[in-house]
Amino acid sequence: MTIQAKQFMQRAITLAQRGLGRTAPNPPVGAILVNNGKVVGEGFHPAAGQPHAEILALREAGDLSRGADLYVTLEPCCHQGRTGPCTEAVINAGVARVFVGTQDPNPQVAGKGMERLHEAGIEVVCEVLKTECRELIAPFSKYMSTGLPYVVLKSAMTLDGQTAAANGDSQWISCAASRELVHQLRNQVDGIMVGSGTVKTDNPRLTTRLDNGGRDAVRIVFDGQLGTSPQAKVYTQSSEAKIFLVTSSKHTEAVLQPYHDAGAEIIQVGRNTDGLDLSAALIELGKRNLQHLLLEGGSVLGGAMMRAGLVDRVMMFIAPKLLGGVGRSLLAGEGVANISEAFPLMNLCARQVETDILIEGEVHHVHRTD
């Protein structure tokens, strides 16, 4: 694989990232057309029902598409959906070669798009920057295989592992640059989840606040006991984004009416020994086309999600501060009994964000038998 091919695919990935949080139930995709070493067309999928990345790149390139190389982060589709099959558009445009980042996990495509291009005499080069392209569509891949959203647990902690002082104060553990990055994340996910304790302690708005505006993700509150006030900011903050309240199926419509009046859509699920049935809740959220969720708090919800095997990735902002004392840990509730039962993190990466260190990794859920 040439350095130039990797550079072109990286540009396609950067384009695709502009669609993060906006394409569900479709994946984010980026594409560029290169003719004689020059980029002549580019595009990214902006939203479901809108033209795919390949189509936008072909439109921009026009006649220069003939004989060009197409770099696309995801295998072109070959079926008729809300839009036409991209493979046929690529073939009709006279594209010479197609460089694909990763195969589409959608069973309707899954290799068939590349096969169709081969049949038409187009050379196909597979798995260019495969790891990066697969990471780009990780939420879509999980959703296609399980129907469940991809959950990222984000938190800030001190160097001695505490997420808040003994009185619950946590503003602010992380630095301003880290908080800016979190707002960028909010701009890229489908929904933001918090537990009732976070709402009662911090009274967050869960909106996206960026200099260039951004957009608000769906806000999701888990509150089995209805301990949050319908007047909390998360319910009353003006936003075009929906607000979901996940609570127990035992509550009557009369009890839930104040939350309805505040504009919340109610999702009721059963309970188990660890509280609300979180798997059932995520299934319901998946049915609403929410594929990529950011779990921002608190420790009770985070601990329950981890024990239920529902956290896919963690993002830990570690600040150069010490609190001492008991404080508050990242995951509340019953922890593992032995180190051998710990939740290992895979594919780790770390970087400095101003004064903080950001550590990210995928959670490897080992099957446990009771």
Protein backbone atom coordinates (compact mmCIF):
# COMPACT_ATOMS: atom_id res chain seq x y z
CA MET A 1 0.00 0.00 0.00
CA THR A 2 1.52 3.32 -1.06
CA ILE A 3 1.90 6.28 1.25
CA GLN A 4 -0.15 8.34 -1.19
CA ALA A 5 -3.07 5.87 -1.02
CA LYS A 6 -3.06 6.08 2.77
CA GLN A 7 -3.01 9.87 2.61
CA PHE A 8 -6.01 9.96 0.28
CA MET A 9 -7.94 7.53 2.49
CA GLN A 10 -7.11 9.61 5.56
CA ARG A 11 -8.62 12.60 3.80
CA ALA A 12 -11.76 10.53 3.14
CA ILE A 13 -11.89 9.60 6.84
CA THR A 14 -11.63 13.27 7.82
CA LEU A 15 -14.55 14.04 5.51
CA ALA A 16 -16.62 11.19 6.98
CA GLN A 17 -16.13 12.55 10.49
CA ARG A 18 -18.13 15.62 9.49
CA GLY A 19 -21.21 13.40 9.41
CA LEU A 20 -20.73 11.89 12.88
CA GLY A 21 -23.92 12.04 14.92
CA ARG A 22 -26.05 12.93 11.91
CA THR A 23 -26.30 9.84 9.70
CA ALA A 24 -28.13 7.22 11.82
CA PRO A 25 -29.41 4.70 10.96
CA ASN A 26 -26.72 4.91 8.26
CA PRO A 27 -22.97 4.96 8.97
CA PRO A 28 -20.73 7.99 8.40
CA VAL A 29 -18.87 7.67 5.08
CA GLY A 30 -16.37 9.84 3.24
CA ALA A 31 -15.20 9.63 -0.38
CA ILE A 32 -12.78 11.41 -2.70
CA LEU A 33 -12.03 11.06 -6.41
CA VAL A 34 -8.43 11.41 -7.60
CA ASN A 35 -7.46 11.93 -11.24
CA ASN A 36 -3.76 12.09 -12.19
CA GLY A 37 -2.82 12.56 -8.55
CA LYS A 38 -5.21 15.48 -8.01
CA VAL A 39 -8.40 15.45 -5.93
CA VAL A 40 -11.23 16.31 -8.32
CA GLY A 41 -14.26 15.50 -6.17
CA GLU A 42 -15.13 14.81 -2.57
CA GLY A 43 -18.15 14.19 -0.41
CA PHE A 44 -19.47 12.80 2.86
CA HIS A 45 -22.84 11.35 3.81
CA PRO A 46 -24.65 14.22 5.59
CA ALA A 47 -27.82 12.46 6.80
CA ALA A 48 -30.11 9.48 6.20
CA GLY A 49 -32.08 9.96 2.99
CA GLN A 50 -29.47 12.34 1.59
CA PRO A 51 -27.01 11.39 -1.18
CA HIS A 52 -24.21 9.06 -0.20
CA ALA A 53 -20.59 10.20 -0.08
CA GLU A 54 -19.71 8.58 -3.42
CA ILE A 55 -22.56 10.33 -5.23
CA LEU A 56 -21.55 13.75 -3.93
CA ALA A 57 -17.94 13.15 -4.92
CA LEU A 58 -19.01 12.03 -8.42
CA ARG A 59 -21.20 15.11 -8.83
CA GLU A 60 -18.34 17.42 -7.90
CA ALA A 61 -15.88 15.66 -10.19
CA GLY A 62 -18.22 15.54 -13.20
CA ASP A 63 -16.45 14.31 -16.35
CA LEU A 64 -13.18 14.04 -14.42
CA SER A 65 -14.63 10.93 -12.74
CA ARG A 66 -13.81 8.91 -15.87
CA GLY A 67 -10.55 7.08 -15.35
CA ALA A 68 -10.24 8.37 -11.78
CA ASP A 69 -9.53 6.52 -8.52
CA LEU A 70 -12.25 6.51 -5.87
CA TYR A 71 -11.22 6.36 -2.22
CA VAL A 72 -14.17 5.51 0.05
CA THR A 73 -14.11 4.64 3.74
CA LEU A 74 -16.85 2.00 3.43
CA GLU A 75 -17.73 -0.48 0.70
CA PRO A 76 -20.16 1.14 -1.79
CA CYS A 77 -23.75 -0.06 -1.42
CA CYS A 78 -25.30 -2.21 -4.13
CA HIS A 79 -28.96 -2.22 -3.09
CA GLN A 80 -31.88 0.14 -3.51
CA GLY A 81 -32.77 1.92 -0.30
CA ARG A 82 -33.92 5.50 0.23
CA THR A 83 -31.24 6.29 -2.36
CA GLY A 84 -30.01 4.29 -5.35
CA PRO A 85 -27.08 1.83 -5.36
CA CYS A 86 -23.73 3.62 -5.37
CA THR A 87 -22.03 0.79 -7.26
CA GLU A 88 -24.04 1.54 -10.40
CA ALA A 89 -23.26 5.25 -10.20
CA VAL A 90 -19.54 4.46 -9.85
CA ILE A 91 -19.66 2.06 -12.81
CA ASN A 92 -21.60 4.47 -15.03
CA ALA A 93 -19.18 7.29 -14.23
CA GLY A 94 -16.26 5.30 -15.64
CA VAL A 95 -14.20 5.15 -12.44
CA ALA A 96 -11.06 3.07 -13.01
CA ARG A 97 -10.17 1.89 -9.51
CA VAL A 98 -11.88 1.85 -6.12
CA PHE A 99 -9.95 1.87 -2.84
CA VAL A 100 -12.13 0.65 0.03
CA GLY A 101 -11.44 1.21 3.73
CA THR A 102 -13.54 -1.64 5.10
CA GLN A 103 -16.32 -4.01 4.13
CA ASP A 104 -19.89 -3.01 4.97
CA PRO A 105 -21.23 -5.03 7.96
CA ASN A 106 -24.77 -4.65 6.60
CA PRO A 107 -25.80 -8.14 5.35
CA GLN A 108 -27.49 -6.47 2.38
CA VAL A 109 -24.05 -5.36 1.19
CA ALA A 110 -21.24 -7.27 3.00
CA GLY A 111 -18.91 -7.87 0.08
CA LYS A 112 -21.56 -7.71 -2.63
CA GLY A 113 -20.73 -4.11 -3.48
CA MET A 114 -17.08 -4.93 -4.16
CA GLU A 115 -18.13 -8.04 -6.10
CA ARG A 116 -20.39 -5.94 -8.34
CA LEU A 117 -17.50 -3.55 -9.07
CA HIS A 118 -15.24 -6.51 -9.95
CA GLU A 119 -17.89 -7.84 -12.32
CA ALA A 120 -17.91 -4.49 -14.11
CA GLY A 121 -14.15 -4.68 -14.64
CA ILE A 122 -13.22 -2.14 -11.96
CA GLU A 123 -10.11 -2.87 -9.92
CA VAL A 124 -10.87 -2.90 -6.19
CA VAL A 125 -8.20 -2.45 -3.50
CA CYS A 126 -9.48 -3.48 -0.07
CA GLU A 127 -8.72 -2.57 3.53
CA VAL A 128 -6.86 0.70 3.10
CA LEU A 129 -6.45 2.09 6.65
CA LYS A 130 -8.78 -0.71 7.74
CA THR A 131 -8.39 -0.12 11.49
CA GLU A 132 -9.22 3.58 11.26
CA CYS A 133 -12.17 2.97 8.93
CA ARG A 134 -13.59 0.25 11.19
CA GLU A 135 -13.29 2.52 14.21
CA LEU A 136 -15.24 5.15 12.29
CA ILE A 137 -18.22 2.81 11.89
CA ALA A 138 -17.92 0.93 15.22
CA PRO A 139 -21.37 2.12 16.43
CA PHE A 140 -22.98 1.10 13.10
CA SER A 141 -21.26 -2.31 13.21
CA LYS A 142 -22.49 -3.05 16.73
CA TYR A 143 -25.99 -1.88 15.86
CA MET A 144 -26.10 -4.10 12.76
CA SER A 145 -25.03 -7.19 14.73
CA THR A 146 -26.94 -6.66 18.00
CA GLY A 147 -29.51 -3.88 17.60
CA LEU A 148 -27.86 -2.17 20.58
CA PRO A 149 -26.20 1.26 20.65
CA TYR A 150 -22.43 1.60 21.04
CA VAL A 151 -21.75 3.10 24.49
CA VAL A 152 -18.76 5.28 25.37
CA LEU A 153 -18.20 5.90 29.07
CA LYS A 154 -16.58 9.31 29.55
CA SER A 155 -15.38 10.66 32.86
CA ALA A 156 -12.85 12.98 34.45
CA MET A 157 -10.89 11.93 37.50
CA THR A 158 -8.07 13.11 39.67
CA LEU A 159 -4.69 11.46 39.80
CA ASP A 160 -5.83 9.54 42.88
CA GLY A 161 -8.82 8.14 40.99
CA GLN A 162 -11.67 10.26 42.30
CA THR A 163 -14.46 11.76 40.20
CA ALA A 164 -15.74 14.19 42.83
CA ALA A 165 -15.01 15.50 46.30
CA ALA A 166 -16.74 13.99 49.33
CA ASN A 167 -19.58 16.52 49.05
CA GLY A 168 -20.16 15.68 45.37
CA ASP A 169 -18.43 18.76 43.95
CA SER A 170 -16.81 17.96 40.59
CA GLN A 171 -16.69 21.31 38.79
CA TRP A 172 -14.15 21.34 37.45
CA ILE A 173 -11.79 18.40 37.68
CA SER A 174 -10.74 18.55 34.04
CA CYS A 175 -9.19 21.54 32.28
CA ALA A 176 -10.92 23.86 29.81
CA ALA A 177 -9.40 22.09 26.77
CA SER A 178 -10.77 18.74 27.96
CA ARG A 179 -14.22 20.21 28.46
CA GLU A 180 -14.08 21.67 24.95
CA LEU A 181 -13.25 18.20 23.62
CA VAL A 182 -16.27 16.78 25.45
CA HIS A 183 -18.52 19.29 23.69
CA GLN A 184 -17.02 18.15 20.40
CA LEU A 185 -17.94 14.60 21.39
CA ARG A 186 -21.49 15.67 22.20
CA ASN A 187 -21.65 17.13 18.72
CA GLN A 188 -20.69 13.73 17.22
CA VAL A 189 -22.88 11.24 19.12
CA ASP A 190 -26.55 10.39 18.78
CA GLY A 191 -27.36 10.67 22.48
CA ILE A 192 -26.00 11.55 25.93
CA MET A 193 -26.93 9.43 28.96
CA VAL A 194 -26.87 10.36 32.64
CA GLY A 195 -28.28 8.91 35.83
CA SER A 196 -30.63 10.61 38.25
CA GLY A 197 -27.81 11.33 40.70
CA THR A 198 -25.99 13.47 38.14
CA VAL A 199 -29.15 15.42 37.36
CA LYS A 200 -29.83 16.09 41.05
CA THR A 201 -26.22 17.00 41.90
CA ASP A 202 -25.05 18.92 38.81
CA ASN A 203 -28.35 19.94 37.16
CA PRO A 204 -26.72 19.69 33.70
CA ARG A 205 -28.20 20.93 30.43
CA LEU A 206 -26.47 18.24 28.33
CA THR A 207 -26.33 20.59 25.37
CA THR A 208 -23.47 21.20 22.96
CA ARG A 209 -21.70 24.50 23.41
CA LEU A 210 -19.11 25.16 20.73
CA ASP A 211 -17.94 28.40 19.15
CA ASN A 212 -19.21 27.23 15.76
CA GLY A 213 -22.57 26.16 17.21
CA GLY A 214 -22.71 22.41 16.68
CA ARG A 215 -25.93 20.59 17.46
CA ASP A 216 -27.47 18.97 20.51
CA ALA A 217 -27.63 15.20 20.81
CA VAL A 218 -30.67 13.42 22.25
CA ARG A 219 -30.63 13.69 26.05
CA ILE A 220 -31.38 10.54 28.07
CA VAL A 221 -32.03 10.41 31.81
CA PHE A 222 -32.13 7.09 33.69
CA ASP A 223 -34.35 7.60 36.73
CA GLY A 224 -36.06 4.48 38.04
CA GLN A 225 -37.46 6.14 41.17
CA LEU A 226 -38.46 9.45 39.54
CA GLY A 227 -36.19 11.33 41.88
CA THR A 228 -35.36 14.05 39.37
CA SER A 229 -37.45 17.20 39.21
CA PRO A 230 -39.44 17.86 36.01
CA GLN A 231 -38.10 21.40 36.40
CA ALA A 232 -34.47 20.31 36.08
CA LYS A 233 -32.51 22.01 33.28
CA VAL A 234 -32.20 18.79 31.27
CA TYR A 235 -36.01 18.78 30.85
CA THR A 236 -36.60 22.52 30.54
CA GLN A 237 -33.55 23.65 28.52
CA SER A 238 -34.70 24.86 25.12
CA SER A 239 -33.32 22.55 22.44
CA GLU A 240 -34.38 20.90 19.20
CA ALA A 241 -33.04 17.60 20.56
CA LYS A 242 -35.42 15.12 22.13
CA ILE A 243 -35.31 14.23 25.81
CA PHE A 244 -35.94 10.63 26.91
CA LEU A 245 -36.73 9.57 30.46
CA VAL A 246 -35.96 5.90 31.13
CA THR A 247 -37.82 4.70 34.19
CA SER A 248 -39.57 1.75 35.78
CA SER A 249 -42.59 0.10 34.18
CA LYS A 250 -44.35 0.24 37.57
CA HIS A 251 -45.05 3.99 37.31
CA THR A 252 -48.53 5.09 36.28
CA GLU A 253 -49.36 7.66 33.62
CA ALA A 254 -50.58 10.05 36.32
CA VAL A 255 -47.18 9.98 38.04
CA LEU A 256 -45.37 10.40 34.72
CA GLN A 257 -47.55 13.28 33.50
CA PRO A 258 -45.29 16.10 34.81
CA TYR A 259 -42.41 14.67 32.77
CA HIS A 260 -44.65 14.40 29.71
CA ASP A 261 -45.62 18.03 30.27
CA ALA A 262 -41.92 18.96 30.38
CA GLY A 263 -41.53 17.46 26.90
CA ALA A 264 -39.91 14.14 27.82
CA GLU A 265 -40.62 10.94 25.92
CA ILE A 266 -40.99 8.11 28.43
CA ILE A 267 -39.35 4.70 28.05
CA GLN A 268 -40.50 2.22 30.69
CA VAL A 269 -38.60 -0.99 31.38
CA GLY A 270 -38.62 -3.66 34.06
CA ARG A 271 -36.23 -3.96 36.97
CA ASN A 272 -33.69 -6.55 38.02
CA THR A 273 -31.38 -7.01 41.01
CA ASP A 274 -29.12 -4.19 39.77
CA GLY A 275 -31.89 -1.64 39.17
CA LEU A 276 -33.44 -0.83 35.81
CA ASP A 277 -33.14 -3.43 33.07
CA LEU A 278 -30.45 -1.60 31.12
CA SER A 279 -30.32 -4.10 28.25
CA ALA A 280 -34.03 -3.59 27.64
CA ALA A 281 -33.53 0.17 27.81
CA LEU A 282 -30.75 0.11 25.21
CA ILE A 283 -32.85 -2.08 22.92
CA GLU A 284 -35.57 0.57 23.06
CA LEU A 285 -33.06 3.34 22.36
CA GLY A 286 -31.71 1.33 19.43
CA LYS A 287 -35.22 1.07 18.01
CA ARG A 288 -35.21 4.86 17.93
CA ASN A 289 -32.12 4.85 15.68
CA LEU A 290 -29.70 5.84 18.43
CA GLN A 291 -26.46 4.03 17.58
CA HIS A 292 -23.76 6.03 19.36
CA LEU A 293 -24.27 7.03 23.00
CA LEU A 294 -22.05 8.99 25.37
CA LEU A 295 -22.42 7.96 29.01
CA GLU A 296 -21.44 11.04 31.01
CA GLY A 297 -22.53 10.09 34.53
CA GLY A 298 -22.80 9.11 37.17
CA SER A 299 -21.02 6.36 39.02
CA VAL A 300 -24.19 4.33 39.79
CA LEU A 301 -25.28 4.21 36.15
CA GLY A 302 -21.70 3.68 34.97
CA GLY A 303 -21.16 0.78 37.37
CA ALA A 304 -24.44 -0.87 36.39
CA MET A 305 -23.73 -0.44 32.67
CA MET A 306 -20.28 -1.97 33.07
CA ARG A 307 -21.57 -4.94 35.06
CA ALA A 308 -24.25 -5.51 32.43
CA GLY A 309 -21.57 -5.66 29.72
CA LEU A 310 -22.99 -2.66 27.88
CA VAL A 311 -19.99 -0.30 27.83
CA ASP A 312 -17.94 -0.58 24.64
CA ARG A 313 -15.30 2.10 25.12
CA VAL A 314 -13.98 4.34 27.89
CA MET A 315 -12.52 7.83 27.72
CA MET A 316 -10.81 8.91 30.93
CA PHE A 317 -9.57 12.47 31.41
CA ILE A 318 -7.00 12.32 34.21
CA ALA A 319 -6.24 15.66 35.85
CA PRO A 320 -3.03 16.47 37.78
CA LYS A 321 -4.93 16.96 41.03
CA LEU A 322 -5.20 15.06 44.31
CA LEU A 323 -8.28 15.06 46.54
CA GLY A 324 -7.35 12.59 49.26
CA GLY A 325 -9.86 11.02 51.60
CA VAL A 326 -12.64 8.72 50.47
CA GLY A 327 -14.13 10.84 47.67
CA ARG A 328 -16.07 9.15 44.87
CA SER A 329 -15.01 6.43 42.47
CA LEU A 330 -15.79 6.02 38.78
CA LEU A 331 -17.99 2.93 39.12
CA ALA A 332 -20.31 2.55 42.10
CA GLY A 333 -21.92 -0.64 43.31
CA GLU A 334 -20.41 -4.07 43.70
CA GLY A 335 -16.98 -4.32 42.14
CA VAL A 336 -15.09 -7.42 41.10
CA ALA A 337 -13.89 -9.76 43.84
CA ASN A 338 -10.50 -10.49 42.28
CA ILE A 339 -8.06 -8.74 39.99
CA SER A 340 -8.48 -11.61 37.51
CA GLU A 341 -12.12 -10.52 37.06
CA ALA A 342 -11.26 -6.93 36.17
CA PHE A 343 -12.57 -5.45 32.91
CA PRO A 344 -9.52 -5.26 30.63
CA LEU A 345 -9.12 -2.44 28.13
CA MET A 346 -7.83 -3.17 24.65
CA ASN A 347 -6.32 -1.04 21.87
CA LEU A 348 -5.29 1.68 24.30
CA CYS A 349 -4.19 5.13 23.29
CA ALA A 350 -3.15 8.09 25.41
CA ARG A 351 -2.56 11.74 24.65
CA GLN A 352 -2.13 14.99 26.49
CA VAL A 353 -4.96 17.52 26.45
CA GLU A 354 -3.45 20.70 27.87
CA THR A 355 -2.81 19.78 31.53
CA ASP A 356 -4.83 16.52 31.44
CA ILE A 357 -4.06 13.06 30.08
CA LEU A 358 -6.78 11.37 28.01
CA ILE A 359 -6.71 7.57 28.03
CA GLU A 360 -9.03 5.68 25.68
CA GLY A 361 -9.63 1.98 25.19
CA GLU A 362 -12.18 -0.64 24.17
CA VAL A 363 -13.72 -2.67 26.98
CA HIS A 364 -13.20 -6.41 26.67
CA HIS A 365 -16.10 -8.10 28.42
CA VAL A 366 -15.03 -11.53 29.59
CA HIS A 367 -17.90 -13.98 29.99
CA ARG A 368 -18.51 -14.70 33.68
CA THR A 369 -20.50 -17.53 35.20
CA ASP A 370 -22.23 -17.03 38.52
